[in-house]
Amino acid sequence: GAAEDLTHDAFLRLTLEVGAGRTPDDIGAWLHRVGH
């Protein structure tokens, strides 16, 4: 359950980053690091 919530939080942060024009170069690695 916590992993599910954290995954959604990581994708929310990705949405904010992309919306601000700062799309990560390696989205998968970025999501894993933010989730961690």
PDB file of all heavy atoms in Angstrom:
ATOM      1  N   GLY A   1       0.826  -1.213   0.000  1.00  0.00           N
ATOM      2  CA  GLY A   1       0.000   0.000   0.000  1.00  0.00           C
ATOM      3  C   GLY A   1       0.854   1.255   0.000  1.00  0.00           C
ATOM      4  O   GLY A   1       0.583   2.207  -0.740  1.00  0.00           O
ATOM      5  N   ALA A   2       1.886   1.269   0.824  1.00  0.00           N
ATOM      6  CA  ALA A   2       2.795   2.417   0.865  1.00  0.00           C
ATOM      7  C   ALA A   2       3.520   2.550  -0.466  1.00  0.00           C
ATOM      8  O   ALA A   2       3.700   3.658  -0.976  1.00  0.00           O
ATOM      9  CB  ALA A   2       3.802   2.267   2.005  1.00  0.00           C
ATOM     10  N   ALA A   3       3.927   1.419  -1.053  1.00  0.00           N
ATOM     11  CA  ALA A   3       4.623   1.455  -2.348  1.00  0.00           C
ATOM     12  C   ALA A   3       3.718   2.045  -3.427  1.00  0.00           C
ATOM     13  O   ALA A   3       4.178   2.826  -4.267  1.00  0.00           O
ATOM     14  CB  ALA A   3       5.078   0.052  -2.740  1.00  0.00           C
ATOM     15  N   GLU A   4       2.459   1.701  -3.386  1.00  0.00           N
ATOM     16  CA  GLU A   4       1.496   2.248  -4.359  1.00  0.00           C
ATOM     17  C   GLU A   4       1.388   3.766  -4.192  1.00  0.00           C
ATOM     18  O   GLU A   4       1.445   4.521  -5.168  1.00  0.00           O
ATOM     19  CB  GLU A   4       0.124   1.596  -4.148  1.00  0.00           C
ATOM     20  CG  GLU A   4      -0.930   2.026  -5.137  1.00  0.00           C
ATOM     21  CD  GLU A   4      -0.741   1.416  -6.512  1.00  0.00           C
ATOM     22  OE1 GLU A   4      -0.146   0.334  -6.623  1.00  0.00           O
ATOM     23  OE2 GLU A   4      -1.189   2.046  -7.483  1.00  0.00           O
ATOM     24  N   ASP A   5       1.259   4.219  -2.948  1.00  0.00           N
ATOM     25  CA  ASP A   5       1.166   5.661  -2.684  1.00  0.00           C
ATOM     26  C   ASP A   5       2.436   6.386  -3.120  1.00  0.00           C
ATOM     27  O   ASP A   5       2.381   7.456  -3.727  1.00  0.00           O
ATOM     28  CB  ASP A   5       0.924   5.930  -1.195  1.00  0.00           C
ATOM     29  CG  ASP A   5      -0.466   5.529  -0.741  1.00  0.00           C
ATOM     30  OD1 ASP A   5      -1.349   5.334  -1.613  1.00  0.00           O
ATOM     31  OD2 ASP A   5      -0.665   5.402   0.482  1.00  0.00           O
ATOM     32  N   LEU A   6       3.584   5.816  -2.804  1.00  0.00           N
ATOM     33  CA  LEU A   6       4.856   6.441  -3.168  1.00  0.00           C
ATOM     34  C   LEU A   6       5.045   6.487  -4.677  1.00  0.00           C
ATOM     35  O   LEU A   6       5.591   7.454  -5.215  1.00  0.00           O
ATOM     36  CB  LEU A   6       6.016   5.703  -2.501  1.00  0.00           C
ATOM     37  CG  LEU A   6       6.063   5.807  -0.972  1.00  0.00           C
ATOM     38  CD1 LEU A   6       7.085   4.834  -0.405  1.00  0.00           C
ATOM     39  CD2 LEU A   6       6.349   7.221  -0.529  1.00  0.00           C
ATOM     40  N   THR A   7       4.583   5.450  -5.359  1.00  0.00           N
ATOM     41  CA  THR A   7       4.660   5.431  -6.826  1.00  0.00           C
ATOM     42  C   THR A   7       3.840   6.578  -7.400  1.00  0.00           C
ATOM     43  O   THR A   7       4.306   7.313  -8.278  1.00  0.00           O
ATOM     44  CB  THR A   7       4.162   4.078  -7.384  1.00  0.00           C
ATOM     45  OG1 THR A   7       4.989   3.035  -6.852  1.00  0.00           O
ATOM     46  CG2 THR A   7       4.190   4.054  -8.897  1.00  0.00           C
ATOM     47  N   HIS A   8       2.642   6.762  -6.877  1.00  0.00           N
ATOM     48  CA  HIS A   8       1.794   7.852  -7.358  1.00  0.00           C
ATOM     49  C   HIS A   8       2.429   9.213  -7.038  1.00  0.00           C
ATOM     50  O   HIS A   8       2.369  10.132  -7.858  1.00  0.00           O
ATOM     51  CB  HIS A   8       0.391   7.747  -6.765  1.00  0.00           C
ATOM     52  CG  HIS A   8      -0.399   6.631  -7.347  1.00  0.00           C
ATOM     53  ND1 HIS A   8      -1.161   6.751  -8.477  1.00  0.00           N
ATOM     54  CD2 HIS A   8      -0.524   5.328  -6.966  1.00  0.00           C
ATOM     55  CE1 HIS A   8      -1.727   5.597  -8.768  1.00  0.00           C
ATOM     56  NE2 HIS A   8      -1.351   4.708  -7.865  1.00  0.00           N
ATOM     57  N   ASP A   9       3.039   9.326  -5.856  1.00  0.00           N
ATOM     58  CA  ASP A   9       3.726  10.575  -5.508  1.00  0.00           C
ATOM     59  C   ASP A   9       4.873  10.855  -6.472  1.00  0.00           C
ATOM     60  O   ASP A   9       5.093  11.997  -6.876  1.00  0.00           O
ATOM     61  CB  ASP A   9       4.261  10.524  -4.074  1.00  0.00           C
ATOM     62  CG  ASP A   9       3.169  10.660  -3.033  1.00  0.00           C
ATOM     63  OD1 ASP A   9       2.036  11.035  -3.401  1.00  0.00           O
ATOM     64  OD2 ASP A   9       3.450  10.394  -1.847  1.00  0.00           O
ATOM     65  N   ALA A  10       5.620   9.816  -6.832  1.00  0.00           N
ATOM     66  CA  ALA A  10       6.740   9.996  -7.763  1.00  0.00           C
ATOM     67  C   ALA A  10       6.224  10.475  -9.126  1.00  0.00           C
ATOM     68  O   ALA A  10       6.816  11.368  -9.746  1.00  0.00           O
ATOM     69  CB  ALA A  10       7.527   8.697  -7.914  1.00  0.00           C
ATOM     70  N   PHE A  11       5.123   9.895  -9.590  1.00  0.00           N
ATOM     71  CA  PHE A  11       4.576  10.320 -10.875  1.00  0.00           C
ATOM     72  C   PHE A  11       3.966  11.720 -10.791  1.00  0.00           C
ATOM     73  O   PHE A  11       4.015  12.470 -11.768  1.00  0.00           O
ATOM     74  CB  PHE A  11       3.564   9.297 -11.410  1.00  0.00           C
ATOM     75  CG  PHE A  11       4.236   8.163 -12.131  1.00  0.00           C
ATOM     76  CD1 PHE A  11       4.570   6.993 -11.471  1.00  0.00           C
ATOM     77  CD2 PHE A  11       4.582   8.287 -13.465  1.00  0.00           C
ATOM     78  CE1 PHE A  11       5.215   5.969 -12.126  1.00  0.00           C
ATOM     79  CE2 PHE A  11       5.225   7.268 -14.139  1.00  0.00           C
ATOM     80  CZ  PHE A  11       5.550   6.105 -13.460  1.00  0.00           C
ATOM     81  N   LEU A  12       3.430  12.079  -9.643  1.00  0.00           N
ATOM     82  CA  LEU A  12       2.944  13.451  -9.464  1.00  0.00           C
ATOM     83  C   LEU A  12       4.111  14.423  -9.594  1.00  0.00           C
ATOM     84  O   LEU A  12       4.016  15.447 -10.272  1.00  0.00           O
ATOM     85  CB  LEU A  12       2.274  13.607  -8.102  1.00  0.00           C
ATOM     86  CG  LEU A  12       1.860  15.033  -7.729  1.00  0.00           C
ATOM     87  CD1 LEU A  12       0.822  15.558  -8.705  1.00  0.00           C
ATOM     88  CD2 LEU A  12       1.337  15.075  -6.314  1.00  0.00           C
ATOM     89  N   ARG A  13       5.228  14.082  -8.973  1.00  0.00           N
ATOM     90  CA  ARG A  13       6.408  14.948  -9.075  1.00  0.00           C
ATOM     91  C   ARG A  13       6.941  14.991 -10.509  1.00  0.00           C
ATOM     92  O   ARG A  13       7.412  16.036 -10.955  1.00  0.00           O
ATOM     93  CB  ARG A  13       7.475  14.498  -8.095  1.00  0.00           C
ATOM     94  CG  ARG A  13       7.035  14.786  -6.667  1.00  0.00           C
ATOM     95  CD  ARG A  13       8.001  14.290  -5.644  1.00  0.00           C
ATOM     96  NE  ARG A  13       7.413  14.458  -4.331  1.00  0.00           N
ATOM     97  CZ  ARG A  13       8.028  15.011  -3.306  1.00  0.00           C
ATOM     98  NH1 ARG A  13       9.255  15.458  -3.455  1.00  0.00           N
ATOM     99  NH2 ARG A  13       7.432  15.114  -2.151  1.00  0.00           N
ATOM    100  N   LEU A  14       6.850  13.869 -11.210  1.00  0.00           N
ATOM    101  CA  LEU A  14       7.256  13.868 -12.615  1.00  0.00           C
ATOM    102  C   LEU A  14       6.361  14.819 -13.410  1.00  0.00           C
ATOM    103  O   LEU A  14       6.847  15.584 -14.244  1.00  0.00           O
ATOM    104  CB  LEU A  14       7.180  12.455 -13.210  1.00  0.00           C
ATOM    105  CG  LEU A  14       7.472  12.365 -14.704  1.00  0.00           C
ATOM    106  CD1 LEU A  14       8.912  12.780 -15.011  1.00  0.00           C
ATOM    107  CD2 LEU A  14       7.187  10.964 -15.219  1.00  0.00           C
ATOM    108  N   THR A  15       5.065  14.785 -13.146  1.00  0.00           N
ATOM    109  CA  THR A  15       4.126  15.668 -13.833  1.00  0.00           C
ATOM    110  C   THR A  15       4.499  17.133 -13.598  1.00  0.00           C
ATOM    111  O   THR A  15       4.490  17.948 -14.529  1.00  0.00           O
ATOM    112  CB  THR A  15       2.684  15.407 -13.348  1.00  0.00           C
ATOM    113  OG1 THR A  15       2.374  14.035 -13.568  1.00  0.00           O
ATOM    114  CG2 THR A  15       1.689  16.278 -14.077  1.00  0.00           C
ATOM    115  N   LEU A  16       4.859  17.462 -12.370  1.00  0.00           N
ATOM    116  CA  LEU A  16       5.251  18.833 -12.056  1.00  0.00           C
ATOM    117  C   LEU A  16       6.549  19.220 -12.774  1.00  0.00           C
ATOM    118  O   LEU A  16       6.662  20.335 -13.289  1.00  0.00           O
ATOM    119  CB  LEU A  16       5.416  19.004 -10.544  1.00  0.00           C
ATOM    120  CG  LEU A  16       4.134  18.832  -9.722  1.00  0.00           C
ATOM    121  CD1 LEU A  16       4.457  18.839  -8.229  1.00  0.00           C
ATOM    122  CD2 LEU A  16       3.113  19.884 -10.066  1.00  0.00           C
ATOM    123  N   GLU A  17       7.495  18.314 -12.804  1.00  0.00           N
ATOM    124  CA  GLU A  17       8.768  18.592 -13.477  1.00  0.00           C
ATOM    125  C   GLU A  17       8.565  18.792 -14.978  1.00  0.00           C
ATOM    126  O   GLU A  17       9.087  19.735 -15.566  1.00  0.00           O
ATOM    127  CB  GLU A  17       9.776  17.459 -13.233  1.00  0.00           C
ATOM    128  CG  GLU A  17      10.333  17.430 -11.836  1.00  0.00           C
ATOM    129  CD  GLU A  17      11.110  18.678 -11.484  1.00  0.00           C
ATOM    130  OE1 GLU A  17      12.065  19.015 -12.210  1.00  0.00           O
ATOM    131  OE2 GLU A  17      10.761  19.328 -10.486  1.00  0.00           O
ATOM    132  N   VAL A  18       7.805  17.900 -15.586  1.00  0.00           N
ATOM    133  CA  VAL A  18       7.554  18.006 -17.031  1.00  0.00           C
ATOM    134  C   VAL A  18       6.776  19.286 -17.311  1.00  0.00           C
ATOM    135  O   VAL A  18       7.073  20.014 -18.268  1.00  0.00           O
ATOM    136  CB  VAL A  18       6.801  16.757 -17.559  1.00  0.00           C
ATOM    137  CG1 VAL A  18       6.361  16.949 -18.997  1.00  0.00           C
ATOM    138  CG2 VAL A  18       7.682  15.510 -17.433  1.00  0.00           C
ATOM    139  N   GLY A  19       5.811  19.592 -16.472  1.00  0.00           N
ATOM    140  CA  GLY A  19       5.020  20.812 -16.651  1.00  0.00           C
ATOM    141  C   GLY A  19       5.857  22.070 -16.536  1.00  0.00           C
ATOM    142  O   GLY A  19       5.558  23.085 -17.156  1.00  0.00           O
ATOM    143  N   ALA A  20       6.933  21.997 -15.760  1.00  0.00           N
ATOM    144  CA  ALA A  20       7.825  23.147 -15.597  1.00  0.00           C
ATOM    145  C   ALA A  20       8.902  23.184 -16.674  1.00  0.00           C
ATOM    146  O   ALA A  20       9.774  24.054 -16.647  1.00  0.00           O
ATOM    147  CB  ALA A  20       8.468  23.111 -14.213  1.00  0.00           C
ATOM    148  N   GLY A  21       8.833  22.226 -17.611  1.00  0.00           N
ATOM    149  CA  GLY A  21       9.802  22.202 -18.703  1.00  0.00           C
ATOM    150  C   GLY A  21      11.128  21.556 -18.334  1.00  0.00           C
ATOM    151  O   GLY A  21      12.138  21.780 -19.004  1.00  0.00           O
ATOM    152  N   ARG A  22      11.146  20.743 -17.272  1.00  0.00           N
ATOM    153  CA  ARG A  22      12.379  20.088 -16.830  1.00  0.00           C
ATOM    154  C   ARG A  22      12.241  18.578 -16.940  1.00  0.00           C
ATOM    155  O   ARG A  22      12.411  17.860 -15.961  1.00  0.00           O
ATOM    156  CB  ARG A  22      12.688  20.487 -15.391  1.00  0.00           C
ATOM    157  CG  ARG A  22      12.921  21.971 -15.189  1.00  0.00           C
ATOM    158  CD  ARG A  22      13.319  22.284 -13.756  1.00  0.00           C
ATOM    159  NE  ARG A  22      12.309  21.870 -12.791  1.00  0.00           N
ATOM    160  CZ  ARG A  22      11.442  22.693 -12.191  1.00  0.00           C
ATOM    161  NH1 ARG A  22      11.448  23.975 -12.474  1.00  0.00           N
ATOM    162  NH2 ARG A  22      10.573  22.232 -11.328  1.00  0.00           N
ATOM    163  N   THR A  23      11.954  18.075 -18.116  1.00  0.00           N
ATOM    164  CA  THR A  23      11.798  16.641 -18.315  1.00  0.00           C
ATOM    165  C   THR A  23      13.140  15.946 -18.090  1.00  0.00           C
ATOM    166  O   THR A  23      14.144  16.315 -18.695  1.00  0.00           O
ATOM    167  CB  THR A  23      11.293  16.342 -19.743  1.00  0.00           C
ATOM    168  OG1 THR A  23      10.063  17.044 -19.941  1.00  0.00           O
ATOM    169  CG2 THR A  23      11.065  14.857 -19.941  1.00  0.00           C
ATOM    170  N   PRO A  24      13.174  14.962 -17.179  1.00  0.00           N
ATOM    171  CA  PRO A  24      14.435  14.257 -16.914  1.00  0.00           C
ATOM    172  C   PRO A  24      14.942  13.544 -18.172  1.00  0.00           C
ATOM    173  O   PRO A  24      14.149  13.098 -19.012  1.00  0.00           O
ATOM    174  CB  PRO A  24      14.060  13.240 -15.840  1.00  0.00           C
ATOM    175  CG  PRO A  24      12.778  13.725 -15.258  1.00  0.00           C
ATOM    176  CD  PRO A  24      12.084  14.489 -16.335  1.00  0.00           C
ATOM    177  N   ASP A  25      16.271  13.428 -18.277  1.00  0.00           N
ATOM    178  CA  ASP A  25      16.866  12.727 -19.421  1.00  0.00           C
ATOM    179  C   ASP A  25      16.531  11.245 -19.376  1.00  0.00           C
ATOM    180  O   ASP A  25      16.212  10.649 -20.392  1.00  0.00           O
ATOM    181  CB  ASP A  25      18.392  12.909 -19.424  1.00  0.00           C
ATOM    182  CG  ASP A  25      18.787  14.356 -19.680  1.00  0.00           C
ATOM    183  OD1 ASP A  25      18.007  15.082 -20.332  1.00  0.00           O
ATOM    184  OD2 ASP A  25      19.867  14.754 -19.209  1.00  0.00           O
ATOM    185  N   ASP A  26      16.615  10.631 -18.204  1.00  0.00           N
ATOM    186  CA  ASP A  26      16.308   9.206 -18.035  1.00  0.00           C
ATOM    187  C   ASP A  26      15.142   9.119 -17.046  1.00  0.00           C
ATOM    188  O   ASP A  26      15.336   9.081 -15.826  1.00  0.00           O
ATOM    189  CB  ASP A  26      17.534   8.456 -17.511  1.00  0.00           C
ATOM    190  CG  ASP A  26      17.314   6.955 -17.434  1.00  0.00           C
ATOM    191  OD1 ASP A  26      16.142   6.508 -17.478  1.00  0.00           O
ATOM    192  OD2 ASP A  26      18.324   6.225 -17.325  1.00  0.00           O
ATOM    193  N   ILE A  27      13.942   9.094 -17.578  1.00  0.00           N
ATOM    194  CA  ILE A  27      12.737   9.160 -16.747  1.00  0.00           C
ATOM    195  C   ILE A  27      12.651   7.967 -15.798  1.00  0.00           C
ATOM    196  O   ILE A  27      12.308   8.119 -14.633  1.00  0.00           O
ATOM    197  CB  ILE A  27      11.470   9.273 -17.626  1.00  0.00           C
ATOM    198  CG1 ILE A  27      11.471  10.636 -18.329  1.00  0.00           C
ATOM    199  CG2 ILE A  27      10.209   9.097 -16.792  1.00  0.00           C
ATOM    200  CD1 ILE A  27      10.323  10.854 -19.291  1.00  0.00           C
ATOM    201  N   GLY A  28      12.987   6.782 -16.261  1.00  0.00           N
ATOM    202  CA  GLY A  28      12.910   5.588 -15.405  1.00  0.00           C
ATOM    203  C   GLY A  28      13.824   5.708 -14.198  1.00  0.00           C
ATOM    204  O   GLY A  28      13.416   5.459 -13.055  1.00  0.00           O
ATOM    205  N   ALA A  29      15.073   6.081 -14.426  1.00  0.00           N
ATOM    206  CA  ALA A  29      16.026   6.240 -13.319  1.00  0.00           C
ATOM    207  C   ALA A  29      15.561   7.359 -12.386  1.00  0.00           C
ATOM    208  O   ALA A  29      15.653   7.232 -11.158  1.00  0.00           O
ATOM    209  CB  ALA A  29      17.418   6.539 -13.858  1.00  0.00           C
ATOM    210  N   TRP A  30      15.065   8.434 -12.959  1.00  0.00           N
ATOM    211  CA  TRP A  30      14.594   9.562 -12.164  1.00  0.00           C
ATOM    212  C   TRP A  30      13.446   9.124 -11.251  1.00  0.00           C
ATOM    213  O   TRP A  30      13.426   9.450 -10.065  1.00  0.00           O
ATOM    214  CB  TRP A  30      14.160  10.695 -13.098  1.00  0.00           C
ATOM    215  CG  TRP A  30      13.820  11.975 -12.410  1.00  0.00           C
ATOM    216  CD1 TRP A  30      14.648  13.014 -12.142  1.00  0.00           C
ATOM    217  CD2 TRP A  30      12.529  12.355 -11.899  1.00  0.00           C
ATOM    218  NE1 TRP A  30      13.967  14.018 -11.490  1.00  0.00           N
ATOM    219  CE2 TRP A  30      12.660  13.638 -11.330  1.00  0.00           C
ATOM    220  CE3 TRP A  30      11.281  11.747 -11.863  1.00  0.00           C
ATOM    221  CZ2 TRP A  30      11.596  14.317 -10.744  1.00  0.00           C
ATOM    222  CZ3 TRP A  30      10.219  12.422 -11.272  1.00  0.00           C
ATOM    223  CH2 TRP A  30      10.381  13.684 -10.726  1.00  0.00           C
ATOM    224  N   LEU A  31      12.486   8.371 -11.794  1.00  0.00           N
ATOM    225  CA  LEU A  31      11.351   7.901 -11.003  1.00  0.00           C
ATOM    226  C   LEU A  31      11.800   6.977  -9.874  1.00  0.00           C
ATOM    227  O   LEU A  31      11.299   7.070  -8.747  1.00  0.00           O
ATOM    228  CB  LEU A  31      10.332   7.179 -11.898  1.00  0.00           C
ATOM    229  CG  LEU A  31       9.496   8.080 -12.799  1.00  0.00           C
ATOM    230  CD1 LEU A  31       8.796   7.261 -13.872  1.00  0.00           C
ATOM    231  CD2 LEU A  31       8.480   8.861 -11.967  1.00  0.00           C
ATOM    232  N   HIS A  32      12.740   6.087 -10.167  1.00  0.00           N
ATOM    233  CA  HIS A  32      13.243   5.189  -9.122  1.00  0.00           C
ATOM    234  C   HIS A  32      13.931   5.992  -8.013  1.00  0.00           C
ATOM    235  O   HIS A  32      13.745   5.715  -6.830  1.00  0.00           O
ATOM    236  CB  HIS A  32      14.197   4.145  -9.718  1.00  0.00           C
ATOM    237  CG  HIS A  32      13.486   3.008 -10.373  1.00  0.00           C
ATOM    238  ND1 HIS A  32      12.989   3.086 -11.651  1.00  0.00           N
ATOM    239  CD2 HIS A  32      13.179   1.765  -9.917  1.00  0.00           C
ATOM    240  CE1 HIS A  32      12.416   1.943 -11.971  1.00  0.00           C
ATOM    241  NE2 HIS A  32      12.517   1.118 -10.929  1.00  0.00           N
ATOM    242  N   ARG A  33      14.733   6.987  -8.381  1.00  0.00           N
ATOM    243  CA  ARG A  33      15.442   7.791  -7.381  1.00  0.00           C
ATOM    244  C   ARG A  33      14.456   8.611  -6.560  1.00  0.00           C
ATOM    245  O   ARG A  33      14.551   8.676  -5.335  1.00  0.00           O
ATOM    246  CB  ARG A  33      16.462   8.715  -8.072  1.00  0.00           C
ATOM    247  CG  ARG A  33      17.168   9.713  -7.171  1.00  0.00           C
ATOM    248  CD  ARG A  33      17.789   9.165  -5.901  1.00  0.00           C
ATOM    249  NE  ARG A  33      18.644   8.029  -6.120  1.00  0.00           N
ATOM    250  CZ  ARG A  33      19.010   7.169  -5.160  1.00  0.00           C
ATOM    251  NH1 ARG A  33      18.611   7.353  -3.922  1.00  0.00           N
ATOM    252  NH2 ARG A  33      19.770   6.145  -5.427  1.00  0.00           N
ATOM    253  N   VAL A  34      13.496   9.243  -7.214  1.00  0.00           N
ATOM    254  CA  VAL A  34      12.507  10.041  -6.478  1.00  0.00           C
ATOM    255  C   VAL A  34      11.683   9.139  -5.564  1.00  0.00           C
ATOM    256  O   VAL A  34      11.450   9.462  -4.396  1.00  0.00           O
ATOM    257  CB  VAL A  34      11.593  10.833  -7.456  1.00  0.00           C
ATOM    258  CG1 VAL A  34      10.401  11.439  -6.741  1.00  0.00           C
ATOM    259  CG2 VAL A  34      12.400  11.914  -8.155  1.00  0.00           C
ATOM    260  N   GLY A  35      11.269   7.985  -6.067  1.00  0.00           N
ATOM    261  CA  GLY A  35      10.522   7.033  -5.241  1.00  0.00           C
ATOM    262  C   GLY A  35      11.334   6.578  -4.038  1.00  0.00           C
ATOM    263  O   GLY A  35      10.819   6.487  -2.915  1.00  0.00           O
ATOM    264  N   HIS A  36      12.612   6.295  -4.273  1.00  0.00           N
ATOM    265  CA  HIS A  36      13.499   5.882  -3.182  1.00  0.00           C
ATOM    266  C   HIS A  36      13.607   6.997  -2.134  1.00  0.00           C
ATOM    267  O   HIS A  36      13.508   6.740  -0.925  1.00  0.00           O
ATOM    268  CB  HIS A  36      14.889   5.544  -3.741  1.00  0.00           C
ATOM    269  CG  HIS A  36      15.863   5.123  -2.698  1.00  0.00           C
ATOM    270  ND1 HIS A  36      15.934   3.830  -2.246  1.00  0.00           N
ATOM    271  CD2 HIS A  36      16.776   5.833  -2.001  1.00  0.00           C
ATOM    272  CE1 HIS A  36      16.869   3.759  -1.318  1.00  0.00           C
ATOM    273  NE2 HIS A  36      17.403   4.963  -1.152  1.00  0.00           N
TER     274      HIS A  36
END
